[in-house]
Amino acid sequence: MADYKQYIIQAQEHGNLMISEDVIATIVEQAVTEVEGIVGLNVKPGADIADMIGKKSWGKGIKITIGEDNALTVDCNVNIGYGQSVVTVANAVQSTVTTALESTAGVKVASVNINVCGIIRQ
């Protein structure tokens, strides 16, 4: 069974540039983990097994939706460190992810939705 992937397609002077949703997810993951106060993405049990059978983004805490105009909607499931301001950290994640995607991949970001799944003592 073939794995269906979405691509962002950008017209260039000598052809098209296609950016896989896996590339976008990697950029998002790196950006999220750089934010102070983030303990990590909320990974579902079984994500390693899903990765082995080819469902790479399942359970990894990130969902990428590519709109008709190639604008991205990003959903992030995160864990925040105990004692951190949830609102401040969530705003920082939104800003960092948007900046990383726009500067690295040159894509338009429609929204970055943050789902705080847990508070973890460090």
PDB file of N, CA and C in Angstrom:
ATOM      1  N   MET A   1       0.838  -1.178   0.000  1.00  0.00           N
ATOM      2  CA  MET A   1       0.000   0.000   0.000  1.00  0.00           C
ATOM      3  C   MET A   1       0.885   1.245   0.000  1.00  0.00           C
ATOM      4  N   ALA A   2       0.662   2.123  -0.921  1.00  0.00           N
ATOM      5  CA  ALA A   2       1.473   3.326  -1.039  1.00  0.00           C
ATOM      6  C   ALA A   2       1.106   4.332   0.045  1.00  0.00           C
ATOM      7  N   ASP A   3       2.094   5.020   0.557  1.00  0.00           N
ATOM      8  CA  ASP A   3       1.892   6.042   1.568  1.00  0.00           C
ATOM      9  C   ASP A   3       1.582   7.354   0.862  1.00  0.00           C
ATOM     10  N   TYR A   4       0.421   7.948   1.177  1.00  0.00           N
ATOM     11  CA  TYR A   4       0.026   9.199   0.541  1.00  0.00           C
ATOM     12  C   TYR A   4       0.661  10.361   1.287  1.00  0.00           C
ATOM     13  N   LYS A   5       1.380  11.202   0.564  1.00  0.00           N
ATOM     14  CA  LYS A   5       2.006  12.380   1.156  1.00  0.00           C
ATOM     15  C   LYS A   5       1.518  13.613   0.422  1.00  0.00           C
ATOM     16  N   GLN A   6       1.397  14.669   1.187  1.00  0.00           N
ATOM     17  CA  GLN A   6       1.064  15.949   0.585  1.00  0.00           C
ATOM     18  C   GLN A   6       2.352  16.706   0.305  1.00  0.00           C
ATOM     19  N   TYR A   7       2.311  17.534  -0.717  1.00  0.00           N
ATOM     20  CA  TYR A   7       3.459  18.354  -1.082  1.00  0.00           C
ATOM     21  C   TYR A   7       3.013  19.785  -1.281  1.00  0.00           C
ATOM     22  N   ILE A   8       3.884  20.690  -0.917  1.00  0.00           N
ATOM     23  CA  ILE A   8       3.696  22.092  -1.262  1.00  0.00           C
ATOM     24  C   ILE A   8       4.414  22.263  -2.594  1.00  0.00           C
ATOM     25  N   ILE A   9       3.715  22.789  -3.576  1.00  0.00           N
ATOM     26  CA  ILE A   9       4.307  22.963  -4.902  1.00  0.00           C
ATOM     27  C   ILE A   9       4.468  24.448  -5.167  1.00  0.00           C
ATOM     28  N   GLN A  10       5.700  24.843  -5.434  1.00  0.00           N
ATOM     29  CA  GLN A  10       6.013  26.237  -5.743  1.00  0.00           C
ATOM     30  C   GLN A  10       6.586  26.303  -7.150  1.00  0.00           C
ATOM     31  N   ALA A  11       5.980  27.141  -7.976  1.00  0.00           N
ATOM     32  CA  ALA A  11       6.484  27.320  -9.342  1.00  0.00           C
ATOM     33  C   ALA A  11       7.776  28.127  -9.298  1.00  0.00           C
ATOM     34  N   GLN A  12       8.797  27.615  -9.971  1.00  0.00           N
ATOM     35  CA  GLN A  12      10.085  28.282 -10.078  1.00  0.00           C
ATOM     36  C   GLN A  12      10.338  28.618 -11.547  1.00  0.00           C
ATOM     37  N   GLU A  13      11.406  29.321 -11.813  1.00  0.00           N
ATOM     38  CA  GLU A  13      11.717  29.741 -13.174  1.00  0.00           C
ATOM     39  C   GLU A  13      11.928  28.554 -14.121  1.00  0.00           C
ATOM     40  N   HIS A  14      12.594  27.497 -13.642  1.00  0.00           N
ATOM     41  CA  HIS A  14      12.926  26.364 -14.511  1.00  0.00           C
ATOM     42  C   HIS A  14      12.160  25.087 -14.154  1.00  0.00           C
ATOM     43  N   GLY A  15      11.061  25.223 -13.449  1.00  0.00           N
ATOM     44  CA  GLY A  15      10.275  24.048 -13.065  1.00  0.00           C
ATOM     45  C   GLY A  15       9.614  24.261 -11.721  1.00  0.00           C
ATOM     46  N   ASN A  16       9.168  23.186 -11.126  1.00  0.00           N
ATOM     47  CA  ASN A  16       8.472  23.264  -9.848  1.00  0.00           C
ATOM     48  C   ASN A  16       9.351  22.772  -8.703  1.00  0.00           C
ATOM     49  N   LEU A  17       9.129  23.345  -7.550  1.00  0.00           N
ATOM     50  CA  LEU A  17       9.771  22.912  -6.319  1.00  0.00           C
ATOM     51  C   LEU A  17       8.694  22.237  -5.481  1.00  0.00           C
ATOM     52  N   MET A  18       8.934  20.987  -5.071  1.00  0.00           N
ATOM     53  CA  MET A  18       7.978  20.250  -4.250  1.00  0.00           C
ATOM     54  C   MET A  18       8.591  20.006  -2.881  1.00  0.00           C
ATOM     55  N   ILE A  19       7.895  20.443  -1.833  1.00  0.00           N
ATOM     56  CA  ILE A  19       8.365  20.271  -0.458  1.00  0.00           C
ATOM     57  C   ILE A  19       7.411  19.307   0.234  1.00  0.00           C
ATOM     58  N   SER A  20       7.946  18.195   0.705  1.00  0.00           N
ATOM     59  CA  SER A  20       7.147  17.157   1.352  1.00  0.00           C
ATOM     60  C   SER A  20       6.663  17.608   2.725  1.00  0.00           C
ATOM     61  N   GLU A  21       5.524  17.053   3.144  1.00  0.00           N
ATOM     62  CA  GLU A  21       5.012  17.334   4.475  1.00  0.00           C
ATOM     63  C   GLU A  21       5.990  16.829   5.551  1.00  0.00           C
ATOM     64  N   ASP A  22       6.802  15.813   5.244  1.00  0.00           N
ATOM     65  CA  ASP A  22       7.808  15.330   6.189  1.00  0.00           C
ATOM     66  C   ASP A  22       8.877  16.392   6.460  1.00  0.00           C
ATOM     67  N   VAL A  23       9.241  17.134   5.426  1.00  0.00           N
ATOM     68  CA  VAL A  23      10.213  18.221   5.580  1.00  0.00           C
ATOM     69  C   VAL A  23       9.620  19.316   6.461  1.00  0.00           C
ATOM     70  N   ILE A  24       8.372  19.658   6.207  1.00  0.00           N
ATOM     71  CA  ILE A  24       7.691  20.679   7.012  1.00  0.00           C
ATOM     72  C   ILE A  24       7.614  20.223   8.470  1.00  0.00           C
ATOM     73  N   ALA A  25       7.259  18.949   8.702  1.00  0.00           N
ATOM     74  CA  ALA A  25       7.163  18.427  10.065  1.00  0.00           C
ATOM     75  C   ALA A  25       8.509  18.477  10.780  1.00  0.00           C
ATOM     76  N   THR A  26       9.603  18.220  10.072  1.00  0.00           N
ATOM     77  CA  THR A  26      10.935  18.288  10.665  1.00  0.00           C
ATOM     78  C   THR A  26      11.282  19.717  11.071  1.00  0.00           C
ATOM     79  N   ILE A  27      10.960  20.673  10.218  1.00  0.00           N
ATOM     80  CA  ILE A  27      11.202  22.084  10.545  1.00  0.00           C
ATOM     81  C   ILE A  27      10.399  22.484  11.775  1.00  0.00           C
ATOM     82  N   VAL A  28       9.140  22.072  11.828  1.00  0.00           N
ATOM     83  CA  VAL A  28       8.277  22.392  12.972  1.00  0.00           C
ATOM     84  C   VAL A  28       8.832  21.764  14.247  1.00  0.00           C
ATOM     85  N   GLU A  29       9.211  20.501  14.175  1.00  0.00           N
ATOM     86  CA  GLU A  29       9.743  19.804  15.352  1.00  0.00           C
ATOM     87  C   GLU A  29      10.974  20.512  15.901  1.00  0.00           C
ATOM     88  N   GLN A  30      11.883  20.900  15.035  1.00  0.00           N
ATOM     89  CA  GLN A  30      13.093  21.601  15.476  1.00  0.00           C
ATOM     90  C   GLN A  30      12.745  22.949  16.104  1.00  0.00           C
ATOM     91  N   ALA A  31      11.810  23.662  15.504  1.00  0.00           N
ATOM     92  CA  ALA A  31      11.429  24.979  16.020  1.00  0.00           C
ATOM     93  C   ALA A  31      10.770  24.856  17.396  1.00  0.00           C
ATOM     94  N   VAL A  32       9.896  23.884  17.556  1.00  0.00           N
ATOM     95  CA  VAL A  32       9.193  23.706  18.835  1.00  0.00           C
ATOM     96  C   VAL A  32      10.173  23.388  19.949  1.00  0.00           C
ATOM     97  N   THR A  33      11.114  22.496  19.687  1.00  0.00           N
ATOM     98  CA  THR A  33      12.035  22.072  20.744  1.00  0.00           C
ATOM     99  C   THR A  33      13.044  23.161  21.123  1.00  0.00           C
ATOM    100  N   GLU A  34      13.170  24.204  20.312  1.00  0.00           N
ATOM    101  CA  GLU A  34      14.065  25.313  20.640  1.00  0.00           C
ATOM    102  C   GLU A  34      13.447  26.307  21.617  1.00  0.00           C
ATOM    103  N   VAL A  35      12.136  26.246  21.816  1.00  0.00           N
ATOM    104  CA  VAL A  35      11.447  27.228  22.656  1.00  0.00           C
ATOM    105  C   VAL A  35      11.668  26.897  24.131  1.00  0.00           C
ATOM    106  N   GLU A  36      12.088  27.903  24.892  1.00  0.00           N
ATOM    107  CA  GLU A  36      12.294  27.720  26.327  1.00  0.00           C
ATOM    108  C   GLU A  36      10.957  27.458  26.999  1.00  0.00           C
ATOM    109  N   GLY A  37      10.918  26.444  27.831  1.00  0.00           N
ATOM    110  CA  GLY A  37       9.686  26.078  28.525  1.00  0.00           C
ATOM    111  C   GLY A  37       9.028  24.839  27.950  1.00  0.00           C
ATOM    112  N   ILE A  38       9.426  24.459  26.743  1.00  0.00           N
ATOM    113  CA  ILE A  38       8.894  23.247  26.122  1.00  0.00           C
ATOM    114  C   ILE A  38       9.707  22.050  26.597  1.00  0.00           C
ATOM    115  N   VAL A  39       9.025  21.036  27.117  1.00  0.00           N
ATOM    116  CA  VAL A  39       9.693  19.810  27.523  1.00  0.00           C
ATOM    117  C   VAL A  39       9.800  18.871  26.331  1.00  0.00           C
ATOM    118  N   GLY A  40       8.828  18.932  25.446  1.00  0.00           N
ATOM    119  CA  GLY A  40       8.862  18.113  24.240  1.00  0.00           C
ATOM    120  C   GLY A  40       7.494  18.003  23.619  1.00  0.00           C
ATOM    121  N   LEU A  41       7.451  17.342  22.481  1.00  0.00           N
ATOM    122  CA  LEU A  41       6.185  17.075  21.826  1.00  0.00           C
ATOM    123  C   LEU A  41       5.508  15.910  22.534  1.00  0.00           C
ATOM    124  N   ASN A  42       4.195  15.902  22.541  1.00  0.00           N
ATOM    125  CA  ASN A  42       3.452  14.818  23.156  1.00  0.00           C
ATOM    126  C   ASN A  42       3.312  13.697  22.137  1.00  0.00           C
ATOM    127  N   VAL A  43       4.070  12.643  22.321  1.00  0.00           N
ATOM    128  CA  VAL A  43       4.119  11.530  21.385  1.00  0.00           C
ATOM    129  C   VAL A  43       3.201  10.424  21.891  1.00  0.00           C
ATOM    130  N   LYS A  44       2.356   9.915  21.006  1.00  0.00           N
ATOM    131  CA  LYS A  44       1.436   8.835  21.366  1.00  0.00           C
ATOM    132  C   LYS A  44       2.191   7.518  21.480  1.00  0.00           C
ATOM    133  N   PRO A  45       1.725   6.626  22.366  1.00  0.00           N
ATOM    134  CA  PRO A  45       2.319   5.290  22.415  1.00  0.00           C
ATOM    135  C   PRO A  45       2.145   4.599  21.056  1.00  0.00           C
ATOM    136  N   GLY A  46       3.149   3.902  20.633  1.00  0.00           N
ATOM    137  CA  GLY A  46       3.077   3.204  19.350  1.00  0.00           C
ATOM    138  C   GLY A  46       3.601   4.012  18.185  1.00  0.00           C
ATOM    139  N   ALA A  47       4.084   5.218  18.420  1.00  0.00           N
ATOM    140  CA  ALA A  47       4.587   6.051  17.332  1.00  0.00           C
ATOM    141  C   ALA A  47       5.791   5.423  16.649  1.00  0.00           C
ATOM    142  N   ASP A  48       6.630   4.714  17.421  1.00  0.00           N
ATOM    143  CA  ASP A  48       7.805   4.050  16.827  1.00  0.00           C
ATOM    144  C   ASP A  48       7.388   2.939  15.870  1.00  0.00           C
ATOM    145  N   ILE A  49       6.361   2.190  16.248  1.00  0.00           N
ATOM    146  CA  ILE A  49       5.869   1.118  15.377  1.00  0.00           C
ATOM    147  C   ILE A  49       5.254   1.710  14.116  1.00  0.00           C
ATOM    148  N   ALA A  50       4.482   2.780  14.278  1.00  0.00           N
ATOM    149  CA  ALA A  50       3.871   3.437  13.120  1.00  0.00           C
ATOM    150  C   ALA A  50       4.945   3.967  12.177  1.00  0.00           C
ATOM    151  N   ASP A  51       6.044   4.459  12.732  1.00  0.00           N
ATOM    152  CA  ASP A  51       7.153   4.956  11.916  1.00  0.00           C
ATOM    153  C   ASP A  51       7.765   3.822  11.089  1.00  0.00           C
ATOM    154  N   MET A  52       7.858   2.637  11.679  1.00  0.00           N
ATOM    155  CA  MET A  52       8.450   1.495  10.975  1.00  0.00           C
ATOM    156  C   MET A  52       7.576   1.018   9.815  1.00  0.00           C
ATOM    157  N   ILE A  53       6.256   1.187   9.931  1.00  0.00           N
ATOM    158  CA  ILE A  53       5.379   0.728   8.849  1.00  0.00           C
ATOM    159  C   ILE A  53       5.059   1.833   7.850  1.00  0.00           C
ATOM    160  N   GLY A  54       5.721   2.985   7.993  1.00  0.00           N
ATOM    161  CA  GLY A  54       5.610   4.022   6.980  1.00  0.00           C
ATOM    162  C   GLY A  54       4.667   5.159   7.301  1.00  0.00           C
ATOM    163  N   LYS A  55       4.083   5.182   8.473  1.00  0.00           N
ATOM    164  CA  LYS A  55       3.192   6.280   8.859  1.00  0.00           C
ATOM    165  C   LYS A  55       3.990   7.216   9.759  1.00  0.00           C
ATOM    166  N   LYS A  56       4.843   8.010   9.140  1.00  0.00           N
ATOM    167  CA  LYS A  56       5.842   8.786   9.873  1.00  0.00           C
ATOM    168  C   LYS A  56       5.270   9.863  10.779  1.00  0.00           C
ATOM    169  N   SER A  57       4.220  10.542  10.378  1.00  0.00           N
ATOM    170  CA  SER A  57       3.741  11.653  11.191  1.00  0.00           C
ATOM    171  C   SER A  57       2.717  11.226  12.236  1.00  0.00           C
ATOM    172  N   TRP A  58       2.248   9.973  12.187  1.00  0.00           N
ATOM    173  CA  TRP A  58       1.254   9.532  13.132  1.00  0.00           C
ATOM    174  C   TRP A  58       1.826   9.526  14.545  1.00  0.00           C
ATOM    175  N   GLY A  59       1.142  10.165  15.448  1.00  0.00           N
ATOM    176  CA  GLY A  59       1.526  10.104  16.846  1.00  0.00           C
ATOM    177  C   GLY A  59       2.732  10.912  17.248  1.00  0.00           C
ATOM    178  N   LYS A  60       3.287  11.695  16.347  1.00  0.00           N
ATOM    179  CA  LYS A  60       4.510  12.442  16.657  1.00  0.00           C
ATOM    180  C   LYS A  60       4.238  13.796  17.305  1.00  0.00           C
ATOM    181  N   GLY A  61       2.985  14.154  17.461  1.00  0.00           N
ATOM    182  CA  GLY A  61       2.653  15.416  18.102  1.00  0.00           C
ATOM    183  C   GLY A  61       2.538  16.586  17.149  1.00  0.00           C
ATOM    184  N   ILE A  62       2.620  16.338  15.856  1.00  0.00           N
ATOM    185  CA  ILE A  62       2.524  17.405  14.859  1.00  0.00           C
ATOM    186  C   ILE A  62       1.559  16.969  13.764  1.00  0.00           C
ATOM    187  N   LYS A  63       0.679  17.873  13.382  1.00  0.00           N
ATOM    188  CA  LYS A  63      -0.202  17.615  12.243  1.00  0.00           C
ATOM    189  C   LYS A  63      -0.079  18.799  11.295  1.00  0.00           C
ATOM    190  N   ILE A  64       0.185  18.512  10.045  1.00  0.00           N
ATOM    191  CA  ILE A  64       0.345  19.537   9.012  1.00  0.00           C
ATOM    192  C   ILE A  64      -0.833  19.429   8.048  1.00  0.00           C
ATOM    193  N   THR A  65      -1.485  20.554   7.794  1.00  0.00           N
ATOM    194  CA  THR A  65      -2.551  20.600   6.796  1.00  0.00           C
ATOM    195  C   THR A  65      -2.173  21.655   5.767  1.00  0.00           C
ATOM    196  N   ILE A  66      -2.155  21.242   4.502  1.00  0.00           N
ATOM    197  CA  ILE A  66      -1.799  22.152   3.419  1.00  0.00           C
ATOM    198  C   ILE A  66      -3.077  22.599   2.734  1.00  0.00           C
ATOM    199  N   GLY A  67      -3.333  23.908   2.760  1.00  0.00           N
ATOM    200  CA  GLY A  67      -4.535  24.461   2.152  1.00  0.00           C
ATOM    201  C   GLY A  67      -4.405  24.585   0.645  1.00  0.00           C
ATOM    202  N   GLU A  68      -5.498  25.003   0.021  1.00  0.00           N
ATOM    203  CA  GLU A  68      -5.524  25.129  -1.440  1.00  0.00           C
ATOM    204  C   GLU A  68      -4.482  26.105  -1.973  1.00  0.00           C
ATOM    205  N   ASP A  69      -4.231  27.165  -1.241  1.00  0.00           N
ATOM    206  CA  ASP A  69      -3.267  28.166  -1.688  1.00  0.00           C
ATOM    207  C   ASP A  69      -1.865  27.908  -1.116  1.00  0.00           C
ATOM    208  N   ASN A  70      -1.598  26.659  -0.703  1.00  0.00           N
ATOM    209  CA  ASN A  70      -0.332  26.242  -0.093  1.00  0.00           C
ATOM    210  C   ASN A  70      -0.065  26.887   1.260  1.00  0.00           C
ATOM    211  N   ALA A  71      -1.087  27.490   1.872  1.00  0.00           N
ATOM    212  CA  ALA A  71      -0.931  28.022   3.222  1.00  0.00           C
ATOM    213  C   ALA A  71      -1.048  26.868   4.211  1.00  0.00           C
ATOM    214  N   LEU A  72      -0.176  26.854   5.198  1.00  0.00           N
ATOM    215  CA  LEU A  72      -0.127  25.753   6.153  1.00  0.00           C
ATOM    216  C   LEU A  72      -0.913  26.046   7.418  1.00  0.00           C
ATOM    217  N   THR A  73      -1.560  25.017   7.913  1.00  0.00           N
ATOM    218  CA  THR A  73      -2.110  25.024   9.257  1.00  0.00           C
ATOM    219  C   THR A  73      -1.347  23.950  10.010  1.00  0.00           C
ATOM    220  N   VAL A  74      -0.759  24.341  11.137  1.00  0.00           N
ATOM    221  CA  VAL A  74       0.074  23.436  11.920  1.00  0.00           C
ATOM    222  C   VAL A  74      -0.573  23.245  13.284  1.00  0.00           C
ATOM    223  N   ASP A  75      -0.728  21.985  13.683  1.00  0.00           N
ATOM    224  CA  ASP A  75      -1.222  21.645  15.012  1.00  0.00           C
ATOM    225  C   ASP A  75      -0.094  20.965  15.764  1.00  0.00           C
ATOM    226  N   CYS A  76       0.224  21.479  16.960  1.00  0.00           N
ATOM    227  CA  CYS A  76       1.312  20.925  17.765  1.00  0.00           C
ATOM    228  C   CYS A  76       0.778  20.501  19.129  1.00  0.00           C
ATOM    229  N   ASN A  77       1.043  19.257  19.508  1.00  0.00           N
ATOM    230  CA  ASN A  77       0.722  18.756  20.839  1.00  0.00           C
ATOM    231  C   ASN A  77       2.002  18.794  21.655  1.00  0.00           C
ATOM    232  N   VAL A  78       2.029  19.642  22.691  1.00  0.00           N
ATOM    233  CA  VAL A  78       3.265  19.869  23.437  1.00  0.00           C
ATOM    234  C   VAL A  78       3.093  19.597  24.924  1.00  0.00           C
ATOM    235  N   ASN A  79       4.215  19.362  25.574  1.00  0.00           N
ATOM    236  CA  ASN A  79       4.307  19.291  27.025  1.00  0.00           C
ATOM    237  C   ASN A  79       5.149  20.468  27.480  1.00  0.00           C
ATOM    238  N   ILE A  80       4.674  21.155  28.513  1.00  0.00           N
ATOM    239  CA  ILE A  80       5.342  22.354  29.019  1.00  0.00           C
ATOM    240  C   ILE A  80       5.901  22.056  30.407  1.00  0.00           C
ATOM    241  N   GLY A  81       7.025  22.678  30.717  1.00  0.00           N
ATOM    242  CA  GLY A  81       7.650  22.498  32.027  1.00  0.00           C
ATOM    243  C   GLY A  81       6.839  23.135  33.133  1.00  0.00           C
ATOM    244  N   TYR A  82       6.809  22.466  34.275  1.00  0.00           N
ATOM    245  CA  TYR A  82       6.089  22.970  35.444  1.00  0.00           C
ATOM    246  C   TYR A  82       6.669  24.323  35.855  1.00  0.00           C
ATOM    247  N   GLY A  83       5.804  25.265  36.142  1.00  0.00           N
ATOM    248  CA  GLY A  83       6.222  26.601  36.562  1.00  0.00           C
ATOM    249  C   GLY A  83       6.321  27.599  35.429  1.00  0.00           C
ATOM    250  N   GLN A  84       6.162  27.153  34.208  1.00  0.00           N
ATOM    251  CA  GLN A  84       6.215  28.042  33.042  1.00  0.00           C
ATOM    252  C   GLN A  84       4.823  28.616  32.772  1.00  0.00           C
ATOM    253  N   SER A  85       4.766  29.794  32.209  1.00  0.00           N
ATOM    254  CA  SER A  85       3.495  30.389  31.796  1.00  0.00           C
ATOM    255  C   SER A  85       3.034  29.710  30.511  1.00  0.00           C
ATOM    256  N   VAL A  86       1.897  29.046  30.575  1.00  0.00           N
ATOM    257  CA  VAL A  86       1.379  28.319  29.415  1.00  0.00           C
ATOM    258  C   VAL A  86       1.142  29.269  28.251  1.00  0.00           C
ATOM    259  N   VAL A  87       0.553  30.409  28.515  1.00  0.00           N
ATOM    260  CA  VAL A  87       0.248  31.373  27.449  1.00  0.00           C
ATOM    261  C   VAL A  87       1.524  31.915  26.820  1.00  0.00           C
ATOM    262  N   THR A  88       2.502  32.263  27.637  1.00  0.00           N
ATOM    263  CA  THR A  88       3.759  32.802  27.122  1.00  0.00           C
ATOM    264  C   THR A  88       4.489  31.774  26.264  1.00  0.00           C
ATOM    265  N   VAL A  89       4.566  30.537  26.741  1.00  0.00           N
ATOM    266  CA  VAL A  89       5.268  29.490  25.994  1.00  0.00           C
ATOM    267  C   VAL A  89       4.523  29.185  24.693  1.00  0.00           C
ATOM    268  N   ALA A  90       3.200  29.098  24.756  1.00  0.00           N
ATOM    269  CA  ALA A  90       2.410  28.815  23.548  1.00  0.00           C
ATOM    270  C   ALA A  90       2.586  29.922  22.508  1.00  0.00           C
ATOM    271  N   ASN A  91       2.570  31.173  22.938  1.00  0.00           N
ATOM    272  CA  ASN A  91       2.797  32.286  22.005  1.00  0.00           C
ATOM    273  C   ASN A  91       4.191  32.215  21.388  1.00  0.00           C
ATOM    274  N   ALA A  92       5.181  31.840  22.195  1.00  0.00           N
ATOM    275  CA  ALA A  92       6.550  31.715  21.686  1.00  0.00           C
ATOM    276  C   ALA A  92       6.641  30.593  20.650  1.00  0.00           C
ATOM    277  N   VAL A  93       5.946  29.486  20.893  1.00  0.00           N
ATOM    278  CA  VAL A  93       5.944  28.384  19.929  1.00  0.00           C
ATOM    279  C   VAL A  93       5.311  28.832  18.622  1.00  0.00           C
ATOM    280  N   GLN A  94       4.179  29.521  18.697  1.00  0.00           N
ATOM    281  CA  GLN A  94       3.512  30.001  17.485  1.00  0.00           C
ATOM    282  C   GLN A  94       4.431  30.909  16.676  1.00  0.00           C
ATOM    283  N   SER A  95       5.085  31.831  17.336  1.00  0.00           N
ATOM    284  CA  SER A  95       5.975  32.769  16.660  1.00  0.00           C
ATOM    285  C   SER A  95       7.190  32.058  16.062  1.00  0.00           C
ATOM    286  N   THR A  96       7.800  31.165  16.831  1.00  0.00           N
ATOM    287  CA  THR A  96       8.998  30.458  16.380  1.00  0.00           C
ATOM    288  C   THR A  96       8.703  29.553  15.195  1.00  0.00           C
ATOM    289  N   VAL A  97       7.589  28.817  15.249  1.00  0.00           N
ATOM    290  CA  VAL A  97       7.218  27.912  14.156  1.00  0.00           C
ATOM    291  C   VAL A  97       6.916  28.706  12.893  1.00  0.00           C
ATOM    292  N   THR A  98       6.157  29.800  13.028  1.00  0.00           N
ATOM    293  CA  THR A  98       5.825  30.624  11.866  1.00  0.00           C
ATOM    294  C   THR A  98       7.082  31.183  11.210  1.00  0.00           C
ATOM    295  N   THR A  99       7.981  31.736  12.007  1.00  0.00           N
ATOM    296  CA  THR A  99       9.219  32.297  11.482  1.00  0.00           C
ATOM    297  C   THR A  99      10.077  31.228  10.811  1.00  0.00           C
ATOM    298  N   ALA A 100      10.195  30.057  11.446  1.00  0.00           N
ATOM    299  CA  ALA A 100      11.021  28.978  10.892  1.00  0.00           C
ATOM    300  C   ALA A 100      10.481  28.506   9.542  1.00  0.00           C
ATOM    301  N   LEU A 101       9.179  28.328   9.436  1.00  0.00           N
ATOM    302  CA  LEU A 101       8.602  27.854   8.178  1.00  0.00           C
ATOM    303  C   LEU A 101       8.703  28.893   7.070  1.00  0.00           C
ATOM    304  N   GLU A 102       8.445  30.143   7.411  1.00  0.00           N
ATOM    305  CA  GLU A 102       8.502  31.199   6.391  1.00  0.00           C
ATOM    306  C   GLU A 102       9.926  31.430   5.913  1.00  0.00           C
ATOM    307  N   SER A 103      10.905  31.385   6.824  1.00  0.00           N
ATOM    308  CA  SER A 103      12.279  31.659   6.410  1.00  0.00           C
ATOM    309  C   SER A 103      12.972  30.442   5.795  1.00  0.00           C
ATOM    310  N   THR A 104      12.679  29.261   6.290  1.00  0.00           N
ATOM    311  CA  THR A 104      13.367  28.063   5.802  1.00  0.00           C
ATOM    312  C   THR A 104      12.750  27.511   4.529  1.00  0.00           C
ATOM    313  N   ALA A 105      11.418  27.388   4.520  1.00  0.00           N
ATOM    314  CA  ALA A 105      10.747  26.766   3.373  1.00  0.00           C
ATOM    315  C   ALA A 105      10.070  27.772   2.458  1.00  0.00           C
ATOM    316  N   GLY A 106       9.987  29.019   2.885  1.00  0.00           N
ATOM    317  CA  GLY A 106       9.354  30.039   2.055  1.00  0.00           C
ATOM    318  C   GLY A 106       7.872  29.822   1.857  1.00  0.00           C
ATOM    319  N   VAL A 107       7.214  29.296   2.877  1.00  0.00           N
ATOM    320  CA  VAL A 107       5.784  29.018   2.770  1.00  0.00           C
ATOM    321  C   VAL A 107       4.978  29.972   3.632  1.00  0.00           C
ATOM    322  N   LYS A 108       3.715  30.127   3.281  1.00  0.00           N
ATOM    323  CA  LYS A 108       2.794  30.970   4.040  1.00  0.00           C
ATOM    324  C   LYS A 108       2.165  30.120   5.141  1.00  0.00           C
ATOM    325  N   VAL A 109       2.109  30.658   6.355  1.00  0.00           N
ATOM    326  CA  VAL A 109       1.523  29.954   7.482  1.00  0.00           C
ATOM    327  C   VAL A 109       0.198  30.628   7.829  1.00  0.00           C
ATOM    328  N   ALA A 110      -0.886  29.868   7.704  1.00  0.00           N
ATOM    329  CA  ALA A 110      -2.214  30.399   8.023  1.00  0.00           C
ATOM    330  C   ALA A 110      -2.429  30.426   9.535  1.00  0.00           C
ATOM    331  N   SER A 111      -2.052  29.341  10.226  1.00  0.00           N
ATOM    332  CA  SER A 111      -2.202  29.305  11.679  1.00  0.00           C
ATOM    333  C   SER A 111      -1.320  28.223  12.288  1.00  0.00           C
ATOM    334  N   VAL A 112      -0.967  28.448  13.549  1.00  0.00           N
ATOM    335  CA  VAL A 112      -0.240  27.457  14.343  1.00  0.00           C
ATOM    336  C   VAL A 112      -1.061  27.266  15.616  1.00  0.00           C
ATOM    337  N   ASN A 113      -1.661  26.089  15.738  1.00  0.00           N
ATOM    338  CA  ASN A 113      -2.512  25.778  16.883  1.00  0.00           C
ATOM    339  C   ASN A 113      -1.717  24.954  17.888  1.00  0.00           C
ATOM    340  N   ILE A 114      -1.748  25.384  19.146  1.00  0.00           N
ATOM    341  CA  ILE A 114      -0.994  24.715  20.198  1.00  0.00           C
ATOM    342  C   ILE A 114      -1.973  24.014  21.138  1.00  0.00           C
ATOM    343  N   ASN A 115      -1.752  22.717  21.321  1.00  0.00           N
ATOM    344  CA  ASN A 115      -2.529  21.932  22.270  1.00  0.00           C
ATOM    345  C   ASN A 115      -1.580  21.526  23.385  1.00  0.00           C
ATOM    346  N   VAL A 116      -1.763  22.117  24.561  1.00  0.00           N
ATOM    347  CA  VAL A 116      -0.910  21.775  25.704  1.00  0.00           C
ATOM    348  C   VAL A 116      -1.489  20.503  26.324  1.00  0.00           C
ATOM    349  N   CYS A 117      -0.740  19.422  26.192  1.00  0.00           N
ATOM    350  CA  CYS A 117      -1.208  18.099  26.628  1.00  0.00           C
ATOM    351  C   CYS A 117      -0.758  17.745  28.036  1.00  0.00           C
ATOM    352  N   GLY A 118       0.268  18.441  28.519  1.00  0.00           N
ATOM    353  CA  GLY A 118       0.733  18.105  29.851  1.00  0.00           C
ATOM    354  C   GLY A 118       1.703  19.128  30.395  1.00  0.00           C
ATOM    355  N   ILE A 119       1.788  19.124  31.743  1.00  0.00           N
ATOM    356  CA  ILE A 119       2.760  19.933  32.464  1.00  0.00           C
ATOM    357  C   ILE A 119       3.696  18.927  33.133  1.00  0.00           C
ATOM    358  N   ILE A 120       4.988  19.066  32.910  1.00  0.00           N
ATOM    359  CA  ILE A 120       5.947  18.075  33.388  1.00  0.00           C
ATOM    360  C   ILE A 120       6.991  18.739  34.277  1.00  0.00           C
ATOM    361  N   ARG A 121       7.211  18.122  35.441  1.00  0.00           N
ATOM    362  CA  ARG A 121       8.295  18.601  36.321  1.00  0.00           C
ATOM    363  C   ARG A 121       9.625  18.168  35.733  1.00  0.00           C
ATOM    364  N   GLN A 122      10.568  19.067  35.757  1.00  0.00           N
ATOM    365  CA  GLN A 122      11.892  18.752  35.196  1.00  0.00           C
ATOM    366  C   GLN A 122      12.891  18.542  36.297  1.00  0.00           C
TER     367      GLN A 122
END
